[in-house]
Amino acid sequence: MRSRLYIAAVFCGIVLNGMGQAIAQSGEDQGINSNAEEWIVMGTDAAQALTNDLASKFIDVNDAPLFAINTEENGRTIARIEPNLTPFLHETMHEKFNRCGGYTVHESREAALSELNNPVYQSDFTHAVGIFNEPLDQAIPVNRALGLVQPSTIISIIRQMENLGTRHYQTSGGQEAAIRVQALWNGYGAGRGDFSVERIGHSWLQDSVVATIRGSEKPDEIVVIGGHLDSMNANDHNDAPGADDNGSGIAVVSEVLRVLTQMNFRPKRTIQFMAYAAEEVGLRGSGDIAARYRRENRNVVGVLQFDMTGFRGSNRDMYFVTDNVNPNATNFLRRLIRTYNANGAHRITYADTQCGYACSDHASWNRHQFPAAFPFESAFSEYNRAIHSPRDRVSVMDSTGAHQTRFAKLGLEFVIELAKSSDGNRPTPTSNRYLQTSLKVITNGAPRGCKSGEWACMTRLCKADMRDASAWRGWAGCWKSGSKFQCYFECGKISTLH
């Protein structure tokens, strides 16, 4: 997520020398020409504030402002900015508009003008419904997946990201994060012929990472789930732990992949898992990837963004961003929750929020008319204020993993229901590590005292049927057919031969 927290120290002029040093550091780290300029697009309201905060403070040797508005249209503005000022761009956006970032970077005025006139921002634009109205018919694999999510695994990955010290996109820590995520995901998919992982290079140091489970029947239809890999602290790029922003999102994406590979889930449609580089400086990594996918006419049928999942700052479990997204994709998330998370152990409560123009990587996909949705950790006005500082650590978020787990469960529902199991909506035994397994079916009632969803009762039934107090009840899934229900569940006991 893109924002900053130290605006008082910067714009109140308390540490003017420090301000100059920060500018110099930014230019050195980004490898840019201090005389270069970039073209950005942002909301018009923010552009007016930046004119006052930046243009009046920073003047070049020819008395020309280093930030200047060029063109305004449809509530968005093109501006020219000297790249070293981008840390202070974050400051004003956070202080005055409570926005994280909120701009995109373009190589020329013409490219920025194309974004300004993008039809997706017009009030009469119709977002494609695509496959979001397909029936939710994956109850067995979904329910099995929900039972496999491990909060401790999510927290472990967040800590690994935090312990790198920084994941800034122009530091060795940022690239090390990409290397580690690639290795982690490779380990999850080891031995699968339909699985691959690659790092995507850009014009900066940090790579993006993309893992793919190739679809068996519709491989050209792609479901994307992702989050950004980099972290930000404009005052010190080497002290940016980024646990919530966005170690928590990377951990959720990783947990979705881990569970799917543990299940040996074989999708009909291709699933891609993405860790985007350089989100904090203009959505650059996701922007590169989404633009390439549009040029290559790839058929992306759904995108889910995870950016900050660890801080429960509001009274609902998650909040759906409703601006700069495909509303059909967001409605699909609501359908998933009504179906799988209305009550019980997997219950999720939700509400809506807005985050402004280009606040995270979903916007890169939306601007290229790929259908994207973005569930967030809190109402946007109540997000984790420790982000983009040395304080963004596991200790200031939900360190149990319970909050993050809800996002992982929604991510699993999203990819399973969109990608669909090639095995159909039926159970498949999962392991040969057991001496005995048996498949139990409860049909059209509640024989032997077990009702739909009573997992502890089913476990007792397993222990009795296998005549072993240590026998386990493995995955289980129940679904309703009219007024009746069916449940499948697996029983087993550990082999003494292994």
Protein backbone atom coordinates (compact mmCIF):
# COMPACT_ATOMS: atom_id res chain seq x y z
CA MET A 1 0.00 0.00 0.00
CA ARG A 2 1.26 3.40 -0.82
CA SER A 3 1.34 6.21 1.79
CA ARG A 4 3.72 8.05 4.14
CA LEU A 5 3.67 9.08 7.76
CA TYR A 6 6.30 11.77 8.35
CA ILE A 7 4.78 14.77 6.60
CA ALA A 8 5.06 17.06 9.63
CA ALA A 9 8.84 16.71 9.71
CA VAL A 10 9.09 17.24 5.97
CA PHE A 11 6.68 19.98 5.03
CA CYS A 12 6.71 21.96 8.26
CA GLY A 13 10.39 22.67 7.55
CA ILE A 14 11.61 21.20 10.83
CA VAL A 15 14.52 19.36 9.21
CA LEU A 16 15.29 21.09 5.95
CA ASN A 17 18.78 19.60 5.76
CA GLY A 18 17.30 16.14 6.30
CA MET A 19 14.87 16.90 3.51
CA GLY A 20 17.72 17.60 1.13
CA GLN A 21 19.48 14.43 2.17
CA ALA A 22 16.33 12.42 1.57
CA ILE A 23 16.10 13.83 -1.94
CA ALA A 24 19.70 12.91 -2.64
CA GLN A 25 19.20 9.40 -1.30
CA SER A 26 16.12 8.88 -3.41
CA GLY A 27 17.93 9.92 -6.57
CA GLU A 28 20.91 7.69 -5.84
CA ASP A 29 18.79 4.63 -5.01
CA GLN A 30 16.59 4.96 -8.04
CA GLY A 31 19.51 5.32 -10.39
CA ILE A 32 17.91 8.33 -12.06
CA ASN A 33 19.23 11.50 -13.60
CA SER A 34 18.62 14.34 -11.17
CA ASN A 35 17.67 16.47 -14.17
CA ALA A 36 15.18 13.93 -15.48
CA GLU A 37 11.44 14.23 -15.15
CA GLU A 38 8.50 11.88 -15.04
CA TRP A 39 4.89 12.24 -16.02
CA ILE A 40 2.34 11.14 -13.47
CA VAL A 41 -1.45 10.90 -13.34
CA MET A 42 -3.34 11.51 -10.10
CA GLY A 43 -6.66 12.79 -8.81
CA THR A 44 -7.26 16.48 -9.55
CA ASP A 45 -7.93 17.33 -5.90
CA ALA A 46 -4.56 15.88 -4.90
CA ALA A 47 -2.82 17.67 -7.76
CA GLN A 48 -4.04 21.05 -6.51
CA ALA A 49 -2.70 20.35 -3.03
CA LEU A 50 0.61 19.21 -4.44
CA THR A 51 0.89 22.42 -6.43
CA ASN A 52 0.89 24.31 -3.15
CA ASP A 53 3.10 21.89 -1.21
CA LEU A 54 5.67 20.97 -3.84
CA ALA A 55 5.73 23.55 -6.60
CA SER A 56 6.21 26.42 -4.17
CA LYS A 57 8.99 24.66 -2.23
CA PHE A 58 11.10 23.08 -4.95
CA ILE A 59 12.42 25.22 -7.82
CA ASP A 60 15.15 24.32 -10.30
CA VAL A 61 18.08 26.54 -11.25
CA ASN A 62 16.00 28.28 -13.90
CA ASP A 63 13.27 29.15 -11.36
CA ALA A 64 10.95 26.53 -12.87
CA PRO A 65 8.91 24.40 -10.47
CA LEU A 66 9.99 20.76 -10.20
CA PHE A 67 6.31 19.84 -9.93
CA ALA A 68 3.85 21.36 -12.38
CA ILE A 69 0.31 20.56 -13.50
CA ASN A 70 -0.04 20.03 -17.22
CA THR A 71 -3.56 18.86 -18.08
CA GLU A 72 -6.77 18.22 -16.13
CA GLU A 73 -9.75 16.17 -17.28
CA ASN A 74 -12.42 13.86 -15.83
CA GLY A 75 -11.27 14.34 -12.25
CA ARG A 76 -7.69 13.32 -13.01
CA THR A 77 -4.61 15.38 -13.67
CA ILE A 78 -1.36 15.00 -15.59
CA ALA A 79 1.63 16.54 -13.86
CA ARG A 80 5.35 16.73 -14.51
CA ILE A 81 7.55 15.90 -11.52
CA GLU A 82 11.26 15.65 -10.88
CA PRO A 83 11.70 12.01 -9.75
CA ASN A 84 13.58 12.86 -6.55
CA LEU A 85 10.41 14.44 -5.18
CA THR A 86 8.40 11.21 -5.13
CA PRO A 87 8.93 10.66 -1.36
CA PHE A 88 7.25 14.01 -0.72
CA LEU A 89 4.48 13.15 -3.11
CA HIS A 90 3.61 10.34 -0.66
CA GLU A 91 3.59 12.81 2.22
CA THR A 92 0.98 15.17 0.85
CA MET A 93 -1.25 12.37 -0.40
CA HIS A 94 -1.35 10.85 3.07
CA GLU A 95 -1.69 14.05 5.10
CA LYS A 96 -4.32 15.84 3.08
CA PHE A 97 -6.26 13.00 1.47
CA ASN A 98 -5.65 9.95 3.64
CA ARG A 99 -4.59 8.11 0.50
CA CYS A 100 -1.83 5.60 0.00
CA GLY A 101 0.10 6.90 -2.98
CA GLY A 102 -2.58 7.44 -5.56
CA TYR A 103 -0.61 8.04 -8.75
CA THR A 104 0.71 6.20 -11.79
CA VAL A 105 4.01 6.85 -13.58
CA HIS A 106 4.31 7.26 -17.37
CA GLU A 107 7.27 7.61 -19.70
CA SER A 108 5.85 10.54 -21.67
CA ARG A 109 3.10 13.11 -21.71
CA GLU A 110 1.43 11.16 -24.50
CA ALA A 111 1.33 8.00 -22.36
CA ALA A 112 -0.05 9.97 -19.43
CA LEU A 113 -2.67 11.55 -21.67
CA SER A 114 -3.77 8.09 -22.80
CA GLU A 115 -4.31 7.15 -19.15
CA LEU A 116 -6.19 10.40 -18.52
CA ASN A 117 -8.62 9.58 -21.33
CA ASN A 118 -8.92 5.88 -20.46
CA PRO A 119 -12.58 4.90 -21.03
CA VAL A 120 -12.59 2.73 -17.89
CA TYR A 121 -12.83 5.94 -15.82
CA GLN A 122 -15.86 7.30 -17.65
CA SER A 123 -19.13 7.27 -15.72
CA ASP A 124 -20.90 5.38 -18.49
CA PHE A 125 -18.27 2.62 -18.77
CA THR A 126 -19.74 -0.88 -18.49
CA HIS A 127 -17.53 -3.41 -16.74
CA ALA A 128 -17.60 -6.91 -18.20
CA VAL A 129 -19.49 -9.52 -16.19
CA GLY A 130 -17.28 -12.27 -17.57
CA ILE A 131 -17.51 -15.54 -15.65
CA PHE A 132 -18.56 -14.02 -12.32
CA ASN A 133 -22.14 -15.26 -12.70
CA GLU A 134 -21.09 -18.89 -13.03
CA PRO A 135 -22.62 -21.13 -10.33
CA LEU A 136 -20.72 -21.69 -7.10
CA ASP A 137 -20.37 -25.45 -7.42
CA GLN A 138 -17.00 -26.23 -5.82
CA ALA A 139 -18.18 -26.89 -2.26
CA ILE A 140 -16.09 -30.00 -1.68
CA PRO A 141 -12.67 -28.59 -2.68
CA VAL A 142 -13.47 -25.22 -1.10
CA ASN A 143 -14.46 -26.68 2.27
CA ARG A 144 -11.47 -28.96 2.23
CA ALA A 145 -9.18 -26.01 1.48
CA LEU A 146 -10.62 -23.86 4.26
CA GLY A 147 -9.73 -26.53 6.79
CA LEU A 148 -6.09 -26.59 5.68
CA VAL A 149 -5.26 -22.90 6.22
CA GLN A 150 -2.62 -22.48 8.91
CA PRO A 151 -2.32 -19.09 10.68
CA SER A 152 1.14 -19.99 11.99
CA THR A 153 2.44 -20.50 8.44
CA ILE A 154 1.14 -17.08 7.42
CA ILE A 155 2.81 -15.38 10.38
CA SER A 156 6.07 -17.24 9.72
CA ILE A 157 6.24 -15.87 6.17
CA ILE A 158 5.46 -12.34 7.35
CA ARG A 159 8.32 -12.58 9.84
CA GLN A 160 10.66 -13.79 7.10
CA MET A 161 9.75 -10.74 5.01
CA GLU A 162 10.15 -8.43 8.01
CA ASN A 163 13.54 -9.89 8.94
CA LEU A 164 15.02 -8.88 5.61
CA GLY A 165 15.10 -5.34 7.03
CA THR A 166 14.00 -3.78 3.76
CA ARG A 167 12.39 -4.82 0.50
CA HIS A 168 12.78 -1.44 -1.19
CA TYR A 169 12.73 -1.98 -4.93
CA GLN A 170 16.26 -0.63 -5.48
CA THR A 171 18.02 -2.49 -2.67
CA SER A 172 19.58 -5.92 -2.37
CA GLY A 173 16.97 -6.71 0.26
CA GLY A 174 14.24 -6.10 -2.27
CA GLN A 175 15.82 -8.53 -4.72
CA GLU A 176 16.54 -11.06 -1.97
CA ALA A 177 12.81 -11.03 -1.18
CA ALA A 178 12.06 -11.95 -4.79
CA ILE A 179 14.61 -14.78 -4.70
CA ARG A 180 13.17 -16.15 -1.45
CA VAL A 181 9.58 -16.01 -2.65
CA GLN A 182 10.57 -17.80 -5.83
CA ALA A 183 12.26 -20.55 -3.77
CA LEU A 184 9.29 -20.83 -1.40
CA TRP A 185 6.79 -21.16 -4.21
CA ASN A 186 9.03 -23.60 -6.09
CA GLY A 187 9.06 -25.78 -3.00
CA TYR A 188 5.27 -25.77 -2.80
CA GLY A 189 4.88 -26.88 -6.40
CA ALA A 190 7.78 -29.34 -6.55
CA GLY A 191 7.03 -32.45 -8.58
CA ARG A 192 4.04 -31.06 -10.44
CA GLY A 193 4.26 -31.08 -14.21
CA ASP A 194 1.68 -28.31 -14.47
CA PHE A 195 3.58 -25.92 -12.19
CA SER A 196 6.28 -23.31 -12.85
CA VAL A 197 7.78 -20.21 -11.21
CA GLU A 198 9.66 -17.35 -12.86
CA ARG A 199 11.11 -14.01 -11.90
CA ILE A 200 10.14 -11.09 -14.13
CA GLY A 201 12.87 -8.51 -14.61
CA HIS A 202 12.18 -4.77 -14.87
CA SER A 203 14.23 -1.63 -15.35
CA TRP A 204 15.07 -1.52 -11.62
CA LEU A 205 16.75 -3.98 -9.27
CA GLN A 206 13.84 -5.90 -7.75
CA ASP A 207 12.11 -8.59 -9.83
CA SER A 208 8.47 -9.57 -9.70
CA VAL A 209 7.68 -13.26 -9.14
CA VAL A 210 4.99 -15.24 -10.97
CA ALA A 211 4.00 -18.84 -10.19
CA THR A 212 1.64 -20.71 -12.51
CA ILE A 213 -0.59 -23.76 -12.15
CA ARG A 214 -1.56 -24.47 -15.75
CA GLY A 215 -5.22 -25.21 -16.40
CA SER A 216 -6.08 -28.66 -17.74
CA GLU A 217 -9.06 -27.69 -19.91
CA LYS A 218 -8.97 -23.91 -20.38
CA PRO A 219 -5.30 -23.00 -19.99
CA ASP A 220 -5.70 -19.69 -21.85
CA GLU A 221 -8.17 -18.40 -19.24
CA ILE A 222 -6.19 -16.99 -16.30
CA VAL A 223 -7.13 -16.32 -12.68
CA VAL A 224 -4.63 -13.98 -10.95
CA ILE A 225 -4.05 -13.56 -7.23
CA GLY A 226 -1.30 -11.25 -6.07
CA GLY A 227 0.19 -8.59 -3.84
CA HIS A 228 3.21 -6.31 -3.88
CA LEU A 229 6.59 -7.48 -2.66
CA ASP A 230 8.39 -4.20 -2.00
CA SER A 231 8.38 -2.05 1.13
CA MET A 232 8.84 1.66 1.76
CA ASN A 233 10.39 4.05 4.27
CA ALA A 234 11.27 7.28 2.50
CA ASN A 235 13.45 8.44 5.40
CA ASP A 236 15.65 5.34 5.28
CA HIS A 237 15.28 2.80 2.48
CA ASN A 238 17.35 0.30 4.47
CA ASP A 239 14.94 0.30 7.43
CA ALA A 240 11.63 -0.68 5.86
CA PRO A 241 10.46 -3.96 7.47
CA GLY A 242 7.03 -3.77 5.82
CA ALA A 243 5.36 -6.54 7.84
CA ASP A 244 1.80 -5.41 7.19
CA ASP A 245 2.60 -3.48 4.02
CA ASN A 246 2.94 -5.84 2.39
CA GLY A 247 4.49 -8.89 3.97
CA SER A 248 0.96 -9.79 5.06
CA GLY A 249 -0.33 -9.81 1.49
CA ILE A 250 2.57 -11.92 0.20
CA ALA A 251 2.00 -14.37 3.06
CA VAL A 252 -1.69 -14.69 2.17
CA VAL A 253 -0.93 -15.32 -1.51
CA SER A 254 1.70 -17.88 -0.48
CA GLU A 255 -0.73 -19.65 1.83
CA VAL A 256 -3.31 -19.96 -0.95
CA LEU A 257 -0.65 -21.59 -3.13
CA ARG A 258 0.52 -23.86 -0.30
CA VAL A 259 -2.98 -25.15 0.40
CA LEU A 260 -3.79 -25.76 -3.27
CA THR A 261 -0.61 -27.75 -3.80
CA GLN A 262 -1.13 -29.69 -0.58
CA MET A 263 -4.59 -30.62 -1.89
CA ASN A 264 -3.10 -31.53 -5.26
CA PHE A 265 -5.74 -29.21 -6.72
CA ARG A 266 -5.89 -29.47 -10.52
CA PRO A 267 -7.68 -26.48 -12.04
CA LYS A 268 -9.51 -26.31 -15.34
CA ARG A 269 -8.37 -22.69 -15.77
CA THR A 270 -4.82 -21.46 -15.22
CA ILE A 271 -4.04 -19.85 -11.85
CA GLN A 272 -1.19 -17.36 -11.50
CA PHE A 273 0.25 -16.15 -8.18
CA MET A 274 2.06 -12.82 -8.38
CA ALA A 275 4.44 -10.87 -6.12
CA TYR A 276 4.76 -7.45 -7.73
CA ALA A 277 7.89 -5.31 -7.53
CA ALA A 278 7.92 -1.53 -7.03
CA GLU A 279 4.28 -0.90 -6.12
CA GLU A 280 5.26 1.82 -3.68
CA VAL A 281 6.65 4.08 -6.42
CA GLY A 282 3.79 4.14 -8.90
CA LEU A 283 2.48 0.55 -9.29
CA ARG A 284 5.38 -0.12 -11.64
CA GLY A 285 5.78 -3.90 -11.41
CA SER A 286 2.09 -4.71 -11.76
CA GLY A 287 1.84 -1.98 -14.38
CA ASP A 288 4.51 -3.68 -16.50
CA ILE A 289 2.84 -7.08 -16.20
CA ALA A 290 -0.73 -5.91 -16.83
CA ALA A 291 0.38 -3.84 -19.84
CA ARG A 292 2.20 -6.85 -21.30
CA TYR A 293 -0.82 -9.07 -20.77
CA ARG A 294 -2.98 -6.53 -22.59
CA ARG A 295 -0.52 -6.28 -25.49
CA GLU A 296 -0.47 -10.07 -25.75
CA ASN A 297 -4.28 -10.26 -25.55
CA ARG A 298 -4.18 -12.64 -22.61
CA ASN A 299 -7.55 -13.65 -21.25
CA VAL A 300 -7.43 -12.75 -17.55
CA VAL A 301 -10.86 -13.68 -16.17
CA GLY A 302 -10.36 -12.45 -12.61
CA VAL A 303 -7.79 -10.66 -10.43
CA LEU A 304 -7.67 -10.53 -6.63
CA GLN A 305 -5.31 -8.11 -4.87
CA PHE A 306 -3.99 -8.53 -1.34
CA ASP A 307 -2.29 -5.44 0.07
CA MET A 308 -2.31 -5.21 3.91
CA THR A 309 -4.26 -8.00 5.58
CA GLY A 310 -2.84 -7.98 9.12
CA PHE A 311 -4.34 -5.04 11.01
CA ARG A 312 -7.94 -5.13 12.24
CA GLY A 313 -8.49 -1.40 12.51
CA SER A 314 -12.28 -1.43 12.09
CA ASN A 315 -15.23 -3.42 13.40
CA ARG A 316 -15.60 -5.65 10.34
CA ASP A 317 -13.20 -8.39 9.25
CA MET A 318 -12.50 -6.92 5.82
CA TYR A 319 -13.54 -4.05 3.58
CA PHE A 320 -14.10 -4.21 -0.17
CA VAL A 321 -12.62 -1.32 -2.12
CA THR A 322 -15.34 -0.10 -4.48
CA ASP A 323 -13.49 2.46 -6.62
CA ASN A 324 -11.21 1.59 -9.54
CA VAL A 325 -12.31 -2.05 -9.48
CA ASN A 326 -14.68 -4.20 -11.51
CA PRO A 327 -17.94 -4.17 -9.48
CA ASN A 328 -18.84 -7.62 -10.80
CA ALA A 329 -15.63 -9.01 -9.30
CA THR A 330 -16.46 -7.35 -5.98
CA ASN A 331 -20.00 -8.75 -6.06
CA PHE A 332 -18.46 -12.17 -6.65
CA LEU A 333 -16.55 -11.80 -3.36
CA ARG A 334 -19.84 -11.00 -1.63
CA ARG A 335 -21.40 -14.15 -3.13
CA LEU A 336 -18.49 -16.21 -1.87
CA ILE A 337 -18.86 -14.90 1.67
CA ARG A 338 -22.62 -15.44 1.70
CA THR A 339 -22.05 -19.01 0.54
CA TYR A 340 -19.01 -20.09 2.57
CA ASN A 341 -18.49 -17.55 5.36
CA ALA A 342 -21.91 -16.58 6.65
CA ASN A 343 -21.42 -18.31 10.00
CA GLY A 344 -19.39 -20.91 11.83
CA ALA A 345 -15.62 -21.26 12.07
CA HIS A 346 -15.04 -19.58 8.70
CA ARG A 347 -17.32 -16.58 9.29
CA ILE A 348 -16.27 -13.29 7.68
CA THR A 349 -17.94 -9.92 8.18
CA TYR A 350 -17.41 -7.19 5.62
CA ALA A 351 -18.30 -3.68 4.50
CA ASP A 352 -17.22 -1.30 1.74
CA THR A 353 -14.58 1.41 1.56
CA GLN A 354 -12.79 3.58 -1.03
CA CYS A 355 -9.09 4.26 -1.47
CA GLY A 356 -8.83 6.73 -4.37
CA TYR A 357 -7.01 6.58 -7.69
CA ALA A 358 -4.20 4.02 -8.06
CA CYS A 359 -3.88 3.10 -4.37
CA SER A 360 -2.65 -0.46 -5.06
CA ASP A 361 -1.90 -2.97 -7.81
CA HIS A 362 -5.54 -3.78 -8.59
CA ALA A 363 -5.57 -0.41 -10.35
CA SER A 364 -2.94 -1.61 -12.85
CA TRP A 365 -5.26 -4.39 -13.93
CA ASN A 366 -8.36 -2.21 -13.89
CA ARG A 367 -6.82 0.44 -16.14
CA HIS A 368 -6.22 -2.30 -18.74
CA GLN A 369 -9.81 -3.50 -18.33
CA PHE A 370 -8.99 -6.74 -16.56
CA PRO A 371 -11.60 -7.51 -13.86
CA ALA A 372 -10.03 -6.85 -10.45
CA ALA A 373 -11.22 -6.80 -6.84
CA PHE A 374 -9.46 -5.63 -3.67
CA PRO A 375 -10.39 -6.66 -0.10
CA PHE A 376 -8.63 -4.53 2.52
CA GLU A 377 -7.78 -4.97 6.21
CA SER A 378 -9.99 -2.14 7.53
CA ALA A 379 -11.95 0.89 6.49
CA PHE A 380 -9.45 2.93 4.51
CA SER A 381 -9.49 5.79 7.00
CA GLU A 382 -8.52 3.36 9.80
CA TYR A 383 -5.64 1.39 8.29
CA ASN A 384 -2.38 0.60 10.09
CA ARG A 385 -0.58 3.90 10.75
CA ALA A 386 2.74 2.11 11.32
CA ILE A 387 3.22 1.39 7.62
CA HIS A 388 6.10 2.97 5.72
CA SER A 389 8.10 3.29 8.91
CA PRO A 390 10.47 1.18 11.02
CA ARG A 391 7.45 0.34 13.20
CA ASP A 392 5.70 -1.77 10.54
CA ARG A 393 6.29 -5.08 12.29
CA VAL A 394 4.30 -8.15 13.30
CA SER A 395 4.09 -6.74 16.84
CA VAL A 396 1.72 -3.95 15.75
CA MET A 397 -0.72 -6.18 13.86
CA ASP A 398 -2.58 -9.41 14.58
CA SER A 399 0.35 -11.64 15.50
CA THR A 400 -1.88 -14.73 15.83
CA GLY A 401 -2.62 -14.81 12.10
CA ALA A 402 -6.40 -14.93 12.65
CA HIS A 403 -7.10 -11.74 10.70
CA GLN A 404 -4.81 -12.72 7.82
CA THR A 405 -6.37 -16.20 7.72
CA ARG A 406 -9.73 -14.77 6.67
CA PHE A 407 -8.11 -13.25 3.59
CA ALA A 408 -6.41 -16.55 2.74
CA LYS A 409 -9.75 -18.33 2.97
CA LEU A 410 -11.42 -15.79 0.69
CA GLY A 411 -8.49 -16.13 -1.73
CA LEU A 412 -8.93 -19.90 -1.83
CA GLU A 413 -12.65 -19.55 -2.49
CA PHE A 414 -11.94 -17.04 -5.26
CA VAL A 415 -9.43 -19.14 -7.17
CA ILE A 416 -11.19 -22.48 -6.69
CA GLU A 417 -14.60 -21.21 -7.75
CA LEU A 418 -13.20 -19.33 -10.76
CA ALA A 419 -10.61 -21.88 -11.88
CA LYS A 420 -12.81 -24.94 -11.12
CA SER A 421 -11.49 -28.36 -10.22
CA SER A 422 -10.70 -30.64 -13.13
CA ASP A 423 -11.69 -33.54 -10.87
CA GLY A 424 -15.21 -32.17 -10.65
CA ASN A 425 -17.06 -31.55 -7.41
CA ARG A 426 -16.11 -34.89 -5.93
CA PRO A 427 -13.58 -36.03 -3.34
CA THR A 428 -10.29 -37.69 -4.14
CA PRO A 429 -8.13 -39.49 -1.53
CA THR A 430 -5.03 -37.43 -0.90
CA SER A 431 -2.21 -39.53 0.48
CA ASN A 432 -0.65 -42.99 0.45
CA ARG A 433 1.03 -42.41 3.79
CA TYR A 434 -1.75 -44.20 5.63
CA LEU A 435 -2.41 -47.86 6.17
CA GLN A 436 -6.15 -47.42 5.89
CA THR A 437 -8.48 -44.78 4.59
CA SER A 438 -12.20 -44.88 4.15
CA LEU A 439 -14.61 -42.51 2.48
CA LYS A 440 -17.72 -41.68 4.46
CA VAL A 441 -20.88 -40.28 2.95
CA ILE A 442 -23.79 -38.80 4.87
CA THR A 443 -26.74 -38.40 2.55
CA ASN A 444 -30.17 -36.82 2.95
CA GLY A 445 -30.26 -36.65 6.69
CA ALA A 446 -28.15 -37.09 9.77
CA PRO A 447 -27.44 -40.80 10.31
CA ARG A 448 -25.66 -41.79 13.51
CA GLY A 449 -26.12 -38.36 15.01
CA CYS A 450 -23.91 -36.25 12.71
CA LYS A 451 -25.39 -33.22 11.05
CA SER A 452 -24.07 -31.09 8.21
CA GLY A 453 -20.93 -29.27 9.28
CA GLU A 454 -20.52 -31.08 12.62
CA TRP A 455 -16.88 -31.93 12.08
CA ALA A 456 -16.19 -33.14 15.64
CA CYS A 457 -19.05 -35.62 15.33
CA MET A 458 -17.59 -36.92 12.09
CA THR A 459 -14.20 -37.32 13.80
CA ARG A 460 -15.82 -39.46 16.52
CA LEU A 461 -17.42 -41.55 13.78
CA CYS A 462 -13.99 -42.06 12.18
CA LYS A 463 -12.45 -43.21 15.45
CA ALA A 464 -15.29 -45.67 16.02
CA ASP A 465 -15.33 -47.08 12.50
CA MET A 466 -11.56 -47.52 12.37
CA ARG A 467 -11.40 -48.82 15.94
CA ASP A 468 -8.47 -46.55 16.71
CA ALA A 469 -8.56 -43.63 19.13
CA SER A 470 -5.81 -41.89 17.17
CA ALA A 471 -7.63 -42.14 13.84
CA TRP A 472 -8.21 -38.80 12.12
CA ARG A 473 -10.91 -37.19 10.12
CA GLY A 474 -9.27 -35.62 7.09
CA TRP A 475 -10.81 -33.16 4.70
CA ALA A 476 -14.57 -32.81 4.72
CA GLY A 477 -17.13 -31.03 2.62
CA CYS A 478 -20.89 -30.54 2.88
CA TRP A 479 -23.32 -28.92 0.50
CA LYS A 480 -27.05 -28.53 0.24
CA SER A 481 -29.18 -29.95 -2.55
CA GLY A 482 -32.59 -28.39 -2.16
CA SER A 483 -33.64 -28.94 1.44
CA LYS A 484 -31.27 -31.88 1.91
CA PHE A 485 -27.55 -32.15 2.27
CA GLN A 486 -24.62 -34.40 1.57
CA CYS A 487 -21.28 -34.59 3.32
CA TYR A 488 -18.12 -36.33 2.21
CA PHE A 489 -15.27 -36.88 4.62
CA GLU A 490 -12.21 -39.06 4.81
CA CYS A 491 -11.03 -41.19 7.74
CA GLY A 492 -7.62 -42.71 8.22
CA LYS A 493 -5.05 -43.93 10.65
CA ILE A 494 -1.29 -43.75 10.48
CA SER A 495 0.46 -46.77 9.05
CA THR A 496 2.90 -48.59 11.27
CA LEU A 497 4.89 -49.36 8.12
CA HIS A 498 5.99 -45.75 7.53
